[in-house]
Protein backbone atom coordinates (compact mmCIF):
# COMPACT_ATOMS: atom_id res chain seq x y z
CA MET A 1 5.49 31.10 86.43
CA THR A 2 5.43 27.43 87.11
CA ASN A 3 8.22 25.12 85.97
CA ALA A 4 5.81 23.34 83.67
CA LEU A 5 4.61 26.52 82.04
CA THR A 6 8.24 27.75 81.57
CA LYS A 7 9.11 24.49 79.80
CA THR A 8 6.07 24.66 77.56
CA LEU A 9 6.67 28.13 76.48
CA THR A 10 10.38 27.50 76.06
CA ALA A 11 9.42 24.53 73.71
CA LEU A 12 6.89 26.67 71.78
CA ALA A 13 9.54 29.30 71.20
CA LEU A 14 12.12 26.86 70.12
CA ALA A 15 9.52 25.26 67.73
CA ALA A 16 8.64 28.61 66.27
CA MET A 17 12.26 29.57 65.64
CA LEU A 18 13.08 26.06 64.04
CA ALA A 19 9.79 25.95 61.83
CA PRO A 20 11.21 28.20 59.07
CA VAL A 21 14.50 26.21 58.99
CA ALA A 22 12.66 22.91 58.66
CA SER A 23 10.34 24.10 55.95
CA ARG A 24 13.01 25.82 53.89
CA ALA A 25 14.24 24.04 50.76
CA ALA A 26 17.87 23.19 50.28
CA GLU A 27 20.07 25.30 47.97
CA LEU A 28 20.89 23.52 44.65
CA ASP A 29 24.17 24.09 42.94
CA PRO A 30 23.31 25.65 39.58
CA LYS A 31 26.39 24.01 38.01
CA ALA A 32 24.68 20.61 38.98
CA VAL A 33 20.95 21.21 38.63
CA VAL A 34 18.82 23.97 36.89
CA PHE A 35 14.97 23.84 37.26
CA GLN A 36 11.87 25.79 36.54
CA LEU A 37 8.95 25.58 38.73
CA PRO A 38 5.41 25.49 36.88
CA ASP A 39 4.78 29.24 37.39
CA GLN A 40 8.20 30.00 35.85
CA ILE A 41 7.70 28.20 32.52
CA LYS A 42 7.01 30.59 29.76
CA TRP A 43 4.10 29.73 27.55
CA SER A 44 3.33 31.32 24.22
CA PRO A 45 0.02 32.83 23.61
CA VAL A 46 -2.59 30.41 22.30
CA ASN A 47 -2.52 30.30 18.52
CA ALA A 48 -5.36 30.10 16.00
CA ALA A 49 -5.35 26.40 16.23
CA GLY A 50 -5.91 26.36 20.02
CA ALA A 51 -2.34 25.48 21.11
CA GLN A 52 0.46 26.98 22.97
CA GLN A 53 3.99 26.06 23.45
CA ALA A 54 6.80 26.43 26.06
CA VAL A 55 10.39 25.82 25.02
CA LEU A 56 12.20 23.72 27.74
CA PHE A 57 15.59 23.20 26.15
CA GLY A 58 17.28 23.84 22.65
CA ASP A 59 15.63 25.70 19.84
CA PRO A 60 13.11 23.97 17.67
CA SER A 61 13.74 26.37 14.88
CA LYS A 62 17.33 25.31 14.59
CA PRO A 63 19.23 22.05 14.01
CA GLY A 64 19.75 20.06 17.25
CA LEU A 65 18.00 18.36 20.11
CA TYR A 66 15.02 20.31 21.55
CA GLY A 67 12.31 19.77 24.15
CA VAL A 68 9.05 21.74 24.30
CA LEU A 69 5.78 21.42 26.13
CA ASN A 70 2.66 21.83 24.05
CA LYS A 71 -0.75 22.55 25.36
CA TRP A 72 -3.81 21.90 23.29
CA THR A 73 -6.72 23.70 24.88
CA ALA A 74 -10.09 22.13 25.20
CA GLY A 75 -12.84 22.79 22.63
CA ASN A 76 -12.32 20.63 19.62
CA HIS A 77 -9.03 22.32 18.63
CA PHE A 78 -7.08 20.36 16.00
CA SER A 79 -4.20 20.87 13.55
CA LYS A 80 -4.79 20.22 9.88
CA PRO A 81 -2.97 17.25 8.27
CA HIS A 82 0.76 18.13 8.08
CA PHE A 83 4.26 16.53 8.53
CA HIS A 84 7.72 17.32 10.08
CA PRO A 85 11.09 16.77 8.56
CA ASN A 86 12.14 14.65 11.58
CA ASP A 87 10.82 12.16 14.20
CA ARG A 88 9.33 13.55 17.24
CA PHE A 89 8.71 11.68 20.58
CA ILE A 90 5.74 12.60 22.49
CA THR A 91 4.65 11.83 26.08
CA VAL A 92 1.11 12.97 27.09
CA ILE A 93 1.59 14.55 30.52
CA SER A 94 -2.05 15.48 31.23
CA GLY A 95 -5.47 15.35 29.73
CA THR A 96 -6.37 13.36 26.53
CA TRP A 97 -4.63 14.14 23.24
CA TRP A 98 -6.34 12.96 20.03
CA VAL A 99 -4.18 11.74 17.12
CA GLY A 100 -5.02 11.07 13.52
CA SER A 101 -2.93 10.11 10.58
CA GLY A 102 -3.16 10.32 6.80
CA PRO A 103 -4.43 13.20 4.68
CA THR A 104 -8.16 12.85 5.29
CA TRP A 105 -8.92 15.19 8.29
CA ASP A 106 -11.84 13.89 10.42
CA PRO A 107 -11.28 14.49 14.15
CA GLU A 108 -14.82 13.41 15.03
CA HIS A 109 -14.36 9.92 13.36
CA SER A 110 -10.82 9.25 12.70
CA SER A 111 -8.80 10.34 15.69
CA VAL A 112 -7.64 8.08 18.48
CA PRO A 113 -7.41 9.23 22.22
CA MET A 114 -4.02 9.05 23.87
CA PRO A 115 -4.49 9.45 27.70
CA ALA A 116 -2.02 10.85 30.12
CA GLY A 117 1.10 8.58 30.31
CA SER A 118 0.85 7.56 26.52
CA PHE A 119 4.06 7.69 24.40
CA VAL A 120 3.66 8.37 20.72
CA THR A 121 6.22 8.69 17.91
CA HIS A 122 5.42 10.89 14.97
CA TYR A 123 7.67 9.71 12.19
CA GLY A 124 9.34 12.29 9.98
CA LYS A 125 7.79 13.04 6.60
CA GLN A 126 4.62 11.21 7.54
CA VAL A 127 1.14 13.04 7.52
CA HIS A 128 -0.69 13.28 10.82
CA TRP A 129 -2.89 15.71 12.89
CA ASP A 130 -3.82 16.13 16.35
CA GLY A 131 -5.49 18.14 18.99
CA ALA A 132 -7.77 18.22 21.99
CA LYS A 133 -11.44 17.67 22.38
CA ASP A 134 -13.03 17.96 25.83
CA THR A 135 -10.04 18.65 27.99
CA ASP A 136 -6.79 20.42 27.82
CA ALA A 137 -3.94 18.15 26.81
CA VAL A 138 -0.28 18.82 27.78
CA LEU A 139 2.51 17.03 25.92
CA LEU A 140 6.23 16.87 26.29
CA ILE A 141 7.72 16.69 22.74
CA VAL A 142 11.38 15.89 22.13
CA GLY A 143 13.06 15.82 18.61
CA MET A 144 15.81 17.01 16.41
CA GLY A 145 15.29 20.48 14.95
CA PRO A 146 14.42 22.24 12.90
CA ALA A 147 10.93 21.33 13.88
CA THR A 148 9.05 22.85 10.93
CA SER A 149 5.51 21.87 10.18
CA THR A 150 4.63 21.55 6.52
CA PRO A 151 0.87 21.55 5.61
CA TYR A 152 -0.08 18.49 3.54
CA THR A 153 -1.39 19.55 0.06
CA SER A 154 -0.96 16.47 -2.31
CA PRO A 155 0.59 13.08 -2.68
CA GLU A 156 3.10 14.53 -5.09
CA GLN A 157 4.18 17.11 -2.57
CA LEU A 158 4.65 14.40 0.02
CA LYS A 159 6.58 11.99 -2.40
CA ALA A 160 8.92 14.96 -3.34
CA GLU A 161 9.56 15.57 0.37
CA GLN A 162 10.00 11.96 1.19
CA SER A 163 12.64 11.55 -1.59
CA LYS A 164 14.86 14.21 -0.13
């Protein structure tokens, strides 16, 4: 074997041994950082309104801070007019999310598109509705629980809730 061939084979063998080390991720201290990769996030089944949810932290059904991902699936899926007891802070992660306000539900003519990167505040005890049209929309929602949703039924119902 020639000297040049020996050096080349040695270099290739060394590169093959080091490749897995170079491509391996560092270990993170779980006391400092906890993470979920996209395929590890647990999504609920799609509900009747065409949405699904993944809880990232907290418990939206209980008092306290929570964060969830909501996905509205494409196909003109919208919630009906409703309100929540507390403010909710929403960032559109991907797709276009359509938002409407007030008791008149008209997704075709009275909703406003919020493209990816938009930030929206849903104020507590104020009527709104939302969803997706042509594309899926993924949202990050942060708020204080409980994150109940009350369907809007009448101005009297809303006034009673707002006076609490």
